[in-house]
Amino acid sequence: MIVCSAQRAARSLLLISVLALPGCQPDPPRGILLINIDTLRADHLGAYGYAHNTSPNLDAFAEESVLFRNAMAPAPWTLPSVATLFTSLYPTVHGASRLSKSAFTSHQPDFTPTVKLADALTTLPEILRDHGFATAGFVRGAYPTSIYGFKQGFDRFEENQAYGVRFGAEQALAWLDERKPDSFFIYLHTIEVHSPYQPMPPTQRQLKQLGPDERARVLDAAKEEQALYLDHDRAPSYRGDVSGSIDNIQNLAEAKMEVSRSSKKRLVELYDRGIGYTDRWLGLLLTSLRERGLLDETIVIVTSDHGEEFWDHGGLDHGHSYYDELLRVPLMMRIPGEGRKVIVDQVVGLIDVLPTLLDLVGIPALPVAQGRSLRPLWTEGELPARTYFAESNHETAGLAMRTERWKLIRSRNAPMQLYDLWDDPNERHNVCKKERETCQQLVGELQAWRSDTLLKRDLIQPAGAPAAEPDAAAIENLRALGYVD
């Protein structure tokens, strides 16, 4: 094992451990597995320092991976964030971010995004399929679906089936066993960490689509999964008023019930329960890949589209702010033959995932991509620092930017916020007035980036993003996750 030291980025030290000798060029990996755990905060995994044992399998996975401690989501909610993951374009450019109302709140009865990911944009699955990869997506959630443009590029695309992460893991393995592709890409999107923080049984719509035998099998599986889910409760004897249902969370968010310290603690326990359950199935999936001899031929990436607020800055849920509880997400890459237990402190973004994957499998870079390959961070030990941005189009519409040291947040109807993350990693002290010169400089950079991004949008999508047309099933999914009444 060769240990290389990288440049010191201010107060961060990047240590690189590389298995392959310099100059060795192993064959590109055979497969790619991209796992997106919806709503997962980085700081609720043991690998990122969490005190509770929520993620033993992902923690073990991290021991064999490149782990990015400061990965930034491009938006605090799913649709624009996953669209960036698939295109390496910021939300303004890909356009899959605008809502039908200015308010991003669940009490809006007609809340639906008015736009989707345009077919004209080039996505990661399309690129890989064009280069000979068999592609499959297994997703559960309101937004990463065909209605919102995410089916493009997939040979097989299964969405919102009856029992979540178990379905995704089982179907991904079954697809590999049946298809036996020479090269493959699998996208797995899980929803069990997202609210409601309780088991989600099959809906009547899902059950009606099944025959009697399959319906009975699904109901039996749902009972099994509910029991397994509840096994991950740290306080199974709890008898209070916090259930983690959508209505319960809404009442807590709107202070319709007492938000005591014990209530907050219980809600976090319920959130963590979903992490433990998801971790169990992902561990089984990785073990099954190893048993098939595929794990060491496959790039495996584990990440999330955004985090979750638990009153860290007075809010609950997600989509409402740009603090790190929403924007700092886990990002771990297990790369055959290249890296083991690599820790990267440098700021990176989900916008970099597509360019990195193309680099790893030997596909030319996408010219319009706004991200970059992160591979030099563990093969060469350095990569120039870069500023990353986040944006969203809802009632707290605004922008955020993150450098190695600073976080600037510009929100509608709120003062400019500047945080020194070296001295104040929890973003408690707005130093915009104290650091006036720095604040003004960053505001200028943010405005310049915004202008450049709008120009890029007009070049790539002069007609604007197309409208989404949610059907009854899509509205049902939005309702189940608390987005519509």
Protein backbone atom coordinates (compact mmCIF):
# COMPACT_ATOMS: atom_id res chain seq x y z
CA MET A 1 0.00 0.00 0.00
CA ILE A 2 1.28 3.42 -0.95
CA VAL A 3 0.36 6.38 1.22
CA CYS A 4 0.51 9.79 -0.44
CA SER A 5 -0.03 13.18 1.13
CA ALA A 6 -2.02 15.89 -0.62
CA GLN A 7 -1.73 19.64 -0.46
CA ARG A 8 -2.87 21.18 2.77
CA ALA A 9 -6.07 23.07 1.98
CA ALA A 10 -5.93 25.70 4.71
CA ARG A 11 -6.63 23.69 7.88
CA SER A 12 -7.56 20.38 6.20
CA LEU A 13 -5.16 17.51 5.69
CA LEU A 14 -6.00 15.04 2.95
CA LEU A 15 -4.43 11.60 3.29
CA ILE A 16 -4.57 9.23 0.36
CA SER A 17 -4.13 5.47 0.52
CA VAL A 18 -3.87 3.82 -2.87
CA LEU A 19 -3.65 0.11 -3.61
CA ALA A 20 -2.54 0.34 -7.21
CA LEU A 21 1.06 1.31 -8.01
CA PRO A 22 1.62 4.50 -10.01
CA GLY A 23 1.37 3.83 -13.71
CA CYS A 24 -0.71 0.68 -13.34
CA GLN A 25 -3.83 0.86 -15.49
CA PRO A 26 -6.27 -1.91 -14.52
CA ASP A 27 -9.23 -2.72 -16.72
CA PRO A 28 -12.22 -0.44 -16.12
CA PRO A 29 -14.76 -1.85 -13.65
CA ARG A 30 -17.50 -3.95 -15.15
CA GLY A 31 -20.43 -2.42 -13.33
CA ILE A 32 -21.72 0.65 -11.52
CA LEU A 33 -24.17 0.61 -8.61
CA LEU A 34 -25.38 4.08 -7.58
CA ILE A 35 -27.38 4.04 -4.33
CA ASN A 36 -29.28 7.18 -3.34
CA ILE A 37 -30.70 7.03 0.21
CA ASP A 38 -33.30 9.78 0.10
CA THR A 39 -33.15 12.31 3.00
CA LEU A 40 -30.05 10.85 4.70
CA ARG A 41 -27.97 13.29 6.75
CA ALA A 42 -24.26 12.57 6.65
CA ASP A 43 -23.91 13.13 10.39
CA HIS A 44 -26.30 10.26 11.20
CA LEU A 45 -23.89 7.59 9.95
CA GLY A 46 -21.18 6.07 12.12
CA ALA A 47 -18.66 6.60 9.33
CA TYR A 48 -19.30 10.34 9.69
CA GLY A 49 -19.02 10.34 13.47
CA TYR A 50 -22.55 9.56 14.68
CA ALA A 51 -22.60 8.14 18.21
CA HIS A 52 -25.52 5.75 17.65
CA ASN A 53 -25.09 2.48 15.78
CA THR A 54 -27.42 3.23 12.88
CA SER A 55 -25.30 1.95 10.00
CA PRO A 56 -22.95 -0.98 10.71
CA ASN A 57 -23.01 -2.19 7.10
CA LEU A 58 -22.42 1.22 5.56
CA ASP A 59 -19.69 1.88 8.13
CA ALA A 60 -17.96 -1.33 7.03
CA PHE A 61 -18.44 -0.26 3.41
CA ALA A 62 -16.75 3.06 4.24
CA GLU A 63 -13.65 1.17 5.40
CA GLU A 64 -13.15 0.06 1.78
CA SER A 65 -14.14 3.31 0.12
CA VAL A 66 -13.22 6.85 -0.73
CA LEU A 67 -15.21 8.84 1.83
CA PHE A 68 -15.93 12.51 1.18
CA ARG A 69 -16.51 14.34 4.45
CA ASN A 70 -17.78 17.53 2.85
CA ALA A 71 -20.03 16.61 -0.08
CA MET A 72 -22.63 19.22 -0.95
CA ALA A 73 -26.07 18.68 -2.46
CA PRO A 74 -27.14 21.23 -5.09
CA ALA A 75 -30.60 21.67 -3.56
CA PRO A 76 -32.38 20.89 -0.27
CA TRP A 77 -34.98 18.60 -1.86
CA THR A 78 -35.15 15.65 -4.20
CA LEU A 79 -36.20 16.66 -7.71
CA PRO A 80 -33.49 19.23 -8.51
CA SER A 81 -30.84 17.33 -6.57
CA VAL A 82 -31.30 14.01 -8.39
CA ALA A 83 -31.55 15.84 -11.71
CA THR A 84 -28.13 17.34 -10.98
CA LEU A 85 -26.80 13.90 -10.05
CA PHE A 86 -27.95 12.59 -13.44
CA THR A 87 -26.80 15.54 -15.59
CA SER A 88 -23.95 17.34 -13.77
CA LEU A 89 -25.90 20.57 -14.29
CA TYR A 90 -27.05 22.97 -11.60
CA PRO A 91 -30.83 23.25 -11.07
CA THR A 92 -31.14 26.56 -12.92
CA VAL A 93 -29.64 24.92 -16.01
CA HIS A 94 -31.48 21.58 -16.02
CA GLY A 95 -34.68 23.33 -14.92
CA ALA A 96 -36.22 20.48 -12.91
CA SER A 97 -36.86 22.60 -9.86
CA ARG A 98 -39.72 25.04 -10.35
CA LEU A 99 -42.91 24.52 -8.34
CA SER A 100 -46.49 25.32 -9.24
CA LYS A 101 -46.78 27.47 -6.11
CA SER A 102 -44.22 29.58 -4.34
CA ALA A 103 -44.75 27.70 -1.07
CA PHE A 104 -42.91 24.45 -0.48
CA THR A 105 -45.26 23.23 2.24
CA SER A 106 -47.36 20.12 2.58
CA HIS A 107 -50.59 22.01 3.28
CA GLN A 108 -50.76 23.22 -0.31
CA PRO A 109 -53.40 20.87 -1.78
CA ASP A 110 -52.17 21.27 -5.36
CA PHE A 111 -48.44 21.15 -4.66
CA THR A 112 -46.64 19.63 -7.65
CA PRO A 113 -43.55 20.72 -9.53
CA THR A 114 -44.53 22.23 -12.84
CA VAL A 115 -41.44 21.03 -14.67
CA LYS A 116 -39.51 17.83 -15.22
CA LEU A 117 -36.12 16.72 -16.48
CA ALA A 118 -36.17 17.43 -20.20
CA ASP A 119 -35.72 14.57 -22.66
CA ALA A 120 -33.31 16.78 -24.61
CA LEU A 121 -30.80 16.74 -21.76
CA THR A 122 -28.16 14.02 -21.69
CA THR A 123 -28.31 11.88 -18.56
CA LEU A 124 -25.88 9.46 -16.95
CA PRO A 125 -27.96 6.35 -17.84
CA GLU A 126 -28.16 7.49 -21.47
CA ILE A 127 -24.40 7.98 -21.72
CA LEU A 128 -23.69 4.59 -20.20
CA ARG A 129 -26.26 2.81 -22.35
CA ASP A 130 -24.77 4.41 -25.47
CA HIS A 131 -21.41 2.94 -24.43
CA GLY A 132 -22.68 -0.61 -24.08
CA PHE A 133 -23.88 -0.71 -20.48
CA ALA A 134 -27.12 -2.47 -19.64
CA THR A 135 -29.06 -0.04 -17.43
CA ALA A 136 -31.69 -0.57 -14.75
CA GLY A 137 -33.36 1.68 -12.20
CA PHE A 138 -35.26 0.56 -9.10
CA VAL A 139 -36.75 3.55 -7.33
CA ARG A 140 -39.27 4.48 -4.70
CA GLY A 141 -40.24 8.06 -4.04
CA ALA A 142 -42.31 10.94 -5.32
CA TYR A 143 -39.84 12.49 -7.76
CA PRO A 144 -37.20 10.15 -9.26
CA THR A 145 -39.89 8.65 -11.52
CA SER A 146 -40.91 8.54 -15.16
CA ILE A 147 -43.43 11.36 -14.62
CA TYR A 148 -40.55 13.70 -13.85
CA GLY A 149 -38.27 12.51 -16.64
CA PHE A 150 -35.98 10.04 -14.88
CA LYS A 151 -36.79 6.96 -16.94
CA GLN A 152 -34.72 8.11 -19.91
CA GLY A 153 -31.70 5.95 -20.60
CA PHE A 154 -32.87 2.90 -18.65
CA ASP A 155 -33.42 -0.49 -20.28
CA ARG A 156 -35.53 -1.39 -17.28
CA PHE A 157 -37.13 1.06 -14.87
CA GLU A 158 -39.26 -0.02 -11.91
CA GLU A 159 -40.81 2.62 -9.69
CA ASN A 160 -42.82 2.79 -6.47
CA GLN A 161 -43.36 -0.90 -5.98
CA ALA A 162 -44.95 -2.23 -2.85
CA TYR A 163 -42.09 -2.72 -0.43
CA GLY A 164 -39.30 -0.29 -1.02
CA VAL A 165 -35.63 -1.04 -0.43
CA ARG A 166 -36.26 -4.79 -0.17
CA PHE A 167 -37.89 -4.73 -3.60
CA GLY A 168 -35.07 -2.70 -5.07
CA ALA A 169 -32.34 -4.96 -3.71
CA GLU A 170 -34.09 -8.19 -4.70
CA GLN A 171 -35.05 -6.97 -8.15
CA ALA A 172 -31.59 -5.60 -8.88
CA LEU A 173 -30.05 -8.98 -8.08
CA ALA A 174 -32.72 -10.83 -10.07
CA TRP A 175 -32.08 -8.55 -13.06
CA LEU A 176 -28.34 -9.24 -12.89
CA ASP A 177 -28.92 -12.99 -12.61
CA GLU A 178 -31.31 -13.02 -15.55
CA ARG A 179 -29.58 -10.51 -17.82
CA LYS A 180 -25.95 -11.42 -17.03
CA PRO A 181 -24.73 -8.21 -18.70
CA ASP A 182 -21.10 -7.71 -19.64
CA SER A 183 -21.32 -4.14 -18.30
CA PHE A 184 -24.13 -2.71 -16.19
CA PHE A 185 -25.42 0.36 -14.40
CA ILE A 186 -27.96 0.08 -11.58
CA TYR A 187 -29.59 3.05 -9.87
CA LEU A 188 -31.25 2.25 -6.54
CA HIS A 189 -33.28 5.01 -4.86
CA THR A 190 -34.62 4.23 -1.38
CA ILE A 191 -37.25 6.15 0.59
CA GLU A 192 -37.36 4.51 4.02
CA VAL A 193 -35.36 7.29 5.71
CA HIS A 194 -37.77 9.93 4.37
CA SER A 195 -40.86 10.90 6.35
CA PRO A 196 -43.18 9.37 7.45
CA TYR A 197 -40.78 7.83 9.94
CA GLN A 198 -42.73 4.60 10.11
CA PRO A 199 -43.27 1.56 7.88
CA MET A 200 -45.11 2.37 4.65
CA PRO A 201 -47.57 -0.43 3.81
CA PRO A 202 -48.61 -1.14 0.22
CA THR A 203 -51.30 1.22 -1.02
CA GLN A 204 -54.65 0.02 -2.30
CA ARG A 205 -53.67 1.22 -5.77
CA GLN A 206 -50.55 -0.95 -5.69
CA LEU A 207 -52.46 -3.98 -4.43
CA LYS A 208 -55.20 -3.64 -7.05
CA GLN A 209 -52.59 -3.95 -9.78
CA LEU A 210 -51.57 -7.41 -8.52
CA GLY A 211 -53.11 -10.82 -8.99
CA PRO A 212 -54.36 -12.75 -5.93
CA ASP A 213 -51.18 -14.80 -5.42
CA GLU A 214 -48.85 -11.84 -5.89
CA ARG A 215 -51.04 -9.69 -3.64
CA ALA A 216 -50.82 -12.28 -0.87
CA ARG A 217 -47.04 -12.50 -1.29
CA VAL A 218 -46.67 -8.72 -1.12
CA LEU A 219 -48.82 -8.47 2.01
CA ASP A 220 -46.80 -11.22 3.70
CA ALA A 221 -43.57 -9.47 2.72
CA ALA A 222 -44.91 -6.16 4.05
CA LYS A 223 -45.59 -7.76 7.44
CA GLU A 224 -42.07 -9.18 7.51
CA GLU A 225 -40.57 -5.81 6.62
CA GLN A 226 -42.63 -3.95 9.22
CA ALA A 227 -41.29 -6.28 11.92
CA LEU A 228 -37.72 -5.83 10.68
CA TYR A 229 -38.17 -2.06 10.53
CA LEU A 230 -39.41 -1.92 14.12
CA ASP A 231 -36.43 -4.01 15.25
CA HIS A 232 -34.25 -0.93 14.71
CA ASP A 233 -36.08 1.18 17.29
CA ARG A 234 -33.77 2.40 20.08
CA ALA A 235 -36.75 2.94 22.39
CA PRO A 236 -39.35 0.27 21.55
CA SER A 237 -41.18 0.83 24.84
CA TYR A 238 -41.93 4.50 24.03
CA ARG A 239 -45.60 5.36 24.67
CA GLY A 240 -45.72 9.11 23.98
CA ASP A 241 -47.46 11.19 21.33
CA VAL A 242 -44.71 11.25 18.69
CA SER A 243 -45.48 8.63 16.03
CA GLY A 244 -43.59 9.94 13.01
CA SER A 245 -46.68 9.95 10.80
CA ILE A 246 -47.10 12.71 8.24
CA ASP A 247 -49.86 14.38 10.29
CA ASN A 248 -47.80 14.06 13.46
CA ILE A 249 -44.74 15.65 11.83
CA GLN A 250 -46.89 18.43 10.39
CA ASN A 251 -48.33 19.17 13.83
CA LEU A 252 -44.84 19.30 15.29
CA ALA A 253 -43.62 21.56 12.49
CA GLU A 254 -46.52 23.96 12.98
CA ALA A 255 -46.26 23.76 16.80
CA LYS A 256 -49.78 22.35 17.14
CA MET A 257 -48.43 20.04 19.82
CA GLU A 258 -45.78 20.57 22.45
CA VAL A 259 -42.28 20.25 21.04
CA SER A 260 -40.45 19.19 24.16
CA ARG A 261 -36.90 17.92 24.31
CA SER A 262 -38.26 14.39 24.64
CA SER A 263 -40.48 14.87 21.57
CA LYS A 264 -37.52 16.03 19.51
CA LYS A 265 -35.44 13.12 20.76
CA ARG A 266 -38.17 10.65 19.84
CA LEU A 267 -38.56 12.01 16.32
CA VAL A 268 -34.82 11.62 15.74
CA GLU A 269 -35.02 8.04 17.05
CA LEU A 270 -37.76 7.31 14.51
CA TYR A 271 -35.70 8.85 11.72
CA ASP A 272 -32.70 6.74 12.74
CA ARG A 273 -34.90 3.65 12.69
CA GLY A 274 -35.31 4.06 8.95
CA ILE A 275 -31.54 4.37 8.53
CA GLY A 276 -30.96 1.12 10.41
CA TYR A 277 -33.56 -0.71 8.35
CA THR A 278 -32.13 0.59 5.06
CA ASP A 279 -28.60 -0.27 6.18
CA ARG A 280 -29.68 -3.87 6.79
CA TRP A 281 -30.89 -4.37 3.24
CA LEU A 282 -27.96 -2.57 1.65
CA GLY A 283 -25.64 -4.82 3.63
CA LEU A 284 -27.44 -7.87 2.25
CA LEU A 285 -27.24 -6.44 -1.27
CA LEU A 286 -23.48 -5.88 -1.04
CA THR A 287 -22.98 -9.36 0.43
CA SER A 288 -24.98 -10.86 -2.44
CA LEU A 289 -22.85 -9.01 -4.99
CA ARG A 290 -19.73 -10.35 -3.31
CA GLU A 291 -21.10 -13.91 -3.40
CA ARG A 292 -21.74 -13.53 -7.13
CA GLY A 293 -18.18 -12.35 -7.69
CA LEU A 294 -19.43 -8.93 -8.81
CA LEU A 295 -18.53 -6.62 -5.93
CA ASP A 296 -14.86 -6.35 -6.85
CA GLU A 297 -15.81 -5.63 -10.46
CA THR A 298 -18.31 -2.89 -9.59
CA ILE A 299 -18.01 0.76 -8.64
CA VAL A 300 -20.44 1.25 -5.75
CA ILE A 301 -21.45 4.78 -4.77
CA VAL A 302 -23.61 5.53 -1.73
CA THR A 303 -24.99 9.03 -1.33
CA SER A 304 -28.13 11.04 -0.61
CA ASP A 305 -30.01 13.81 -2.37
CA HIS A 306 -30.37 15.98 0.76
CA GLY A 307 -30.57 15.76 4.53
CA GLU A 308 -33.27 16.51 7.10
CA GLU A 309 -33.87 19.26 9.65
CA PHE A 310 -34.64 18.51 13.30
CA TRP A 311 -34.89 22.04 14.67
CA ASP A 312 -31.13 22.52 14.16
CA HIS A 313 -31.99 26.05 13.03
CA GLY A 314 -35.63 26.11 14.05
CA GLY A 315 -37.05 24.08 11.17
CA LEU A 316 -38.29 20.54 10.60
CA ASP A 317 -38.37 18.41 7.44
CA HIS A 318 -36.48 19.63 4.34
CA GLY A 319 -36.64 22.02 1.41
CA HIS A 320 -36.73 25.16 3.54
CA SER A 321 -33.13 26.23 4.12
CA TYR A 322 -29.49 25.86 3.11
CA TYR A 323 -27.82 24.80 6.34
CA ASP A 324 -25.56 21.76 6.43
CA GLU A 325 -28.19 19.49 7.98
CA LEU A 326 -29.80 19.69 4.52
CA LEU A 327 -26.91 20.25 2.13
CA ARG A 328 -24.10 18.12 3.61
CA VAL A 329 -24.72 14.60 2.38
CA PRO A 330 -22.82 11.32 2.59
CA LEU A 331 -20.74 10.39 -0.42
CA MET A 332 -18.75 7.15 -0.46
CA MET A 333 -17.21 5.45 -3.48
CA ARG A 334 -15.89 1.89 -3.48
CA ILE A 335 -13.66 1.67 -6.55
CA PRO A 336 -12.11 -1.68 -7.50
CA GLY A 337 -8.34 -1.51 -7.68
CA GLU A 338 -7.96 2.17 -6.86
CA GLY A 339 -8.71 3.20 -3.30
CA ARG A 340 -9.25 1.80 0.17
CA LYS A 341 -10.13 3.90 3.21
CA VAL A 342 -9.44 7.20 1.53
CA ILE A 343 -10.62 10.23 3.50
CA VAL A 344 -11.25 13.44 1.55
CA ASP A 345 -11.85 16.64 3.52
CA GLN A 346 -11.97 18.92 0.49
CA VAL A 347 -15.40 20.27 -0.46
CA VAL A 348 -16.98 18.41 -3.39
CA GLY A 349 -20.50 18.15 -4.79
CA LEU A 350 -23.05 15.71 -6.14
CA ILE A 351 -22.57 17.61 -9.39
CA ASP A 352 -19.18 15.84 -9.63
CA VAL A 353 -20.53 12.28 -9.54
CA LEU A 354 -21.32 11.97 -13.27
CA PRO A 355 -17.91 13.25 -14.46
CA THR A 356 -16.16 11.02 -11.92
CA LEU A 357 -18.00 7.90 -13.08
CA LEU A 358 -17.30 8.60 -16.74
CA ASP A 359 -13.62 9.05 -15.93
CA LEU A 360 -13.51 5.78 -13.97
CA VAL A 361 -14.98 3.71 -16.82
CA GLY A 362 -13.01 5.41 -19.59
CA ILE A 363 -15.82 7.39 -21.24
CA PRO A 364 -15.03 10.90 -22.55
CA ALA A 365 -16.21 13.79 -20.40
CA LEU A 366 -19.58 15.41 -21.09
CA PRO A 367 -18.72 18.84 -22.55
CA VAL A 368 -21.62 20.70 -20.93
CA ALA A 369 -21.07 19.24 -17.45
CA GLN A 370 -20.62 21.79 -14.67
CA GLY A 371 -18.97 19.27 -12.36
CA ARG A 372 -15.56 17.63 -12.66
CA SER A 373 -13.95 14.27 -12.04
CA LEU A 374 -12.82 13.78 -8.46
CA ARG A 375 -10.46 10.96 -9.38
CA PRO A 376 -7.26 13.04 -9.00
CA LEU A 377 -8.05 13.40 -5.29
CA TRP A 378 -7.04 9.79 -4.65
CA THR A 379 -4.82 9.01 -7.65
CA GLU A 380 -2.70 12.18 -7.69
CA GLY A 381 -3.32 13.54 -4.21
CA GLU A 382 -4.63 16.93 -5.23
CA LEU A 383 -7.31 18.88 -7.04
CA PRO A 384 -7.71 22.66 -6.97
CA ALA A 385 -10.35 23.86 -4.52
CA ARG A 386 -13.64 24.91 -6.07
CA THR A 387 -16.73 26.79 -4.91
CA TYR A 388 -20.02 24.86 -4.89
CA PHE A 389 -23.55 26.22 -5.08
CA ALA A 390 -27.06 25.24 -4.04
CA GLU A 391 -30.39 26.65 -5.11
CA SER A 392 -34.09 25.97 -4.94
CA ASN A 393 -37.28 27.52 -6.23
CA HIS A 394 -39.84 27.69 -3.43
CA GLU A 395 -40.98 30.11 -0.73
CA THR A 396 -37.47 30.43 0.71
CA ALA A 397 -36.05 30.70 -2.78
CA GLY A 398 -32.47 31.79 -2.73
CA LEU A 399 -28.93 30.64 -3.22
CA ALA A 400 -26.07 29.28 -1.18
CA MET A 401 -22.39 28.94 -1.91
CA ARG A 402 -19.72 26.96 -0.12
CA THR A 403 -15.96 27.38 -0.22
CA GLU A 404 -13.44 25.48 1.87
CA ARG A 405 -14.00 27.97 4.68
CA TRP A 406 -17.14 30.00 4.08
CA LYS A 407 -20.88 29.38 3.60
CA LEU A 408 -22.92 32.27 2.17
CA ILE A 409 -26.72 32.04 2.18
CA ARG A 410 -28.99 34.47 0.38
CA SER A 411 -32.68 33.79 1.03
CA ARG A 412 -35.79 35.73 0.18
CA ASN A 413 -37.00 38.06 2.93
CA ALA A 414 -34.01 37.27 5.15
CA PRO A 415 -30.69 39.00 5.91
CA MET A 416 -27.58 37.80 4.11
CA GLN A 417 -25.88 35.07 6.14
CA LEU A 418 -22.18 34.24 6.25
CA TYR A 419 -20.69 31.43 8.33
CA ASP A 420 -17.05 30.67 9.04
CA LEU A 421 -17.21 26.88 8.94
CA TRP A 422 -13.70 26.48 10.32
CA ASP A 423 -14.63 28.20 13.57
CA ASP A 424 -18.40 27.62 13.45
CA PRO A 425 -19.18 24.29 11.75
CA ASN A 426 -22.73 24.27 13.16
CA GLU A 427 -23.55 27.61 11.50
CA ARG A 428 -24.62 29.44 14.65
CA HIS A 429 -23.01 32.85 14.19
CA ASN A 430 -23.75 35.02 11.17
CA VAL A 431 -20.53 37.00 10.62
CA CYS A 432 -21.60 38.92 7.51
CA LYS A 433 -21.34 42.26 9.34
CA LYS A 434 -18.16 41.32 11.15
CA GLU A 435 -16.52 40.00 7.97
CA ARG A 436 -18.02 42.68 5.73
CA GLU A 437 -15.28 42.59 3.10
CA THR A 438 -15.42 38.81 2.76
CA CYS A 439 -19.21 38.90 2.65
CA GLN A 440 -19.25 41.50 -0.12
CA GLN A 441 -16.65 39.60 -2.11
CA LEU A 442 -18.64 36.36 -1.90
CA VAL A 443 -21.88 38.14 -2.78
CA GLY A 444 -20.17 39.41 -5.92
CA GLU A 445 -18.97 35.90 -6.78
CA LEU A 446 -22.47 34.53 -6.20
CA GLN A 447 -24.02 37.13 -8.47
CA ALA A 448 -21.44 36.44 -11.19
CA TRP A 449 -22.08 32.70 -10.94
CA ARG A 450 -25.81 33.31 -11.16
CA SER A 451 -25.41 35.40 -14.32
CA ASP A 452 -23.16 32.80 -15.95
CA THR A 453 -25.56 30.01 -15.00
CA LEU A 454 -28.53 31.81 -16.55
CA LEU A 455 -26.56 32.22 -19.78
CA LYS A 456 -25.71 28.52 -19.77
CA ARG A 457 -29.37 27.67 -19.21
CA ASP A 458 -30.41 29.79 -22.19
CA LEU A 459 -27.86 28.03 -24.38
CA ILE A 460 -28.79 24.51 -23.29
CA GLN A 461 -32.55 24.93 -22.85
CA PRO A 462 -33.68 28.04 -24.73
CA ALA A 463 -37.30 26.87 -24.62
CA GLY A 464 -37.21 26.17 -20.89
CA ALA A 465 -37.92 22.94 -19.04
CA PRO A 466 -41.04 20.96 -20.05
CA ALA A 467 -44.10 20.66 -17.85
CA ALA A 468 -44.68 17.57 -15.74
CA GLU A 469 -48.12 15.99 -15.74
CA PRO A 470 -48.56 13.98 -12.52
CA ASP A 471 -51.18 11.24 -12.80
CA ALA A 472 -53.26 9.82 -9.95
CA ALA A 473 -50.49 7.44 -8.89
CA ALA A 474 -47.94 10.26 -8.76
CA ILE A 475 -50.30 12.38 -6.65
CA GLU A 476 -50.79 9.41 -4.33
CA ASN A 477 -47.01 9.12 -3.90
CA LEU A 478 -46.74 12.84 -3.17
CA ARG A 479 -49.50 12.50 -0.58
CA ALA A 480 -47.88 9.47 1.09
CA LEU A 481 -44.68 11.46 1.58
CA GLY A 482 -46.44 14.53 2.94
CA TYR A 483 -46.31 16.85 -0.08
CA VAL A 484 -50.07 17.12 -0.66
CA ASP A 485 -53.08 16.74 1.60
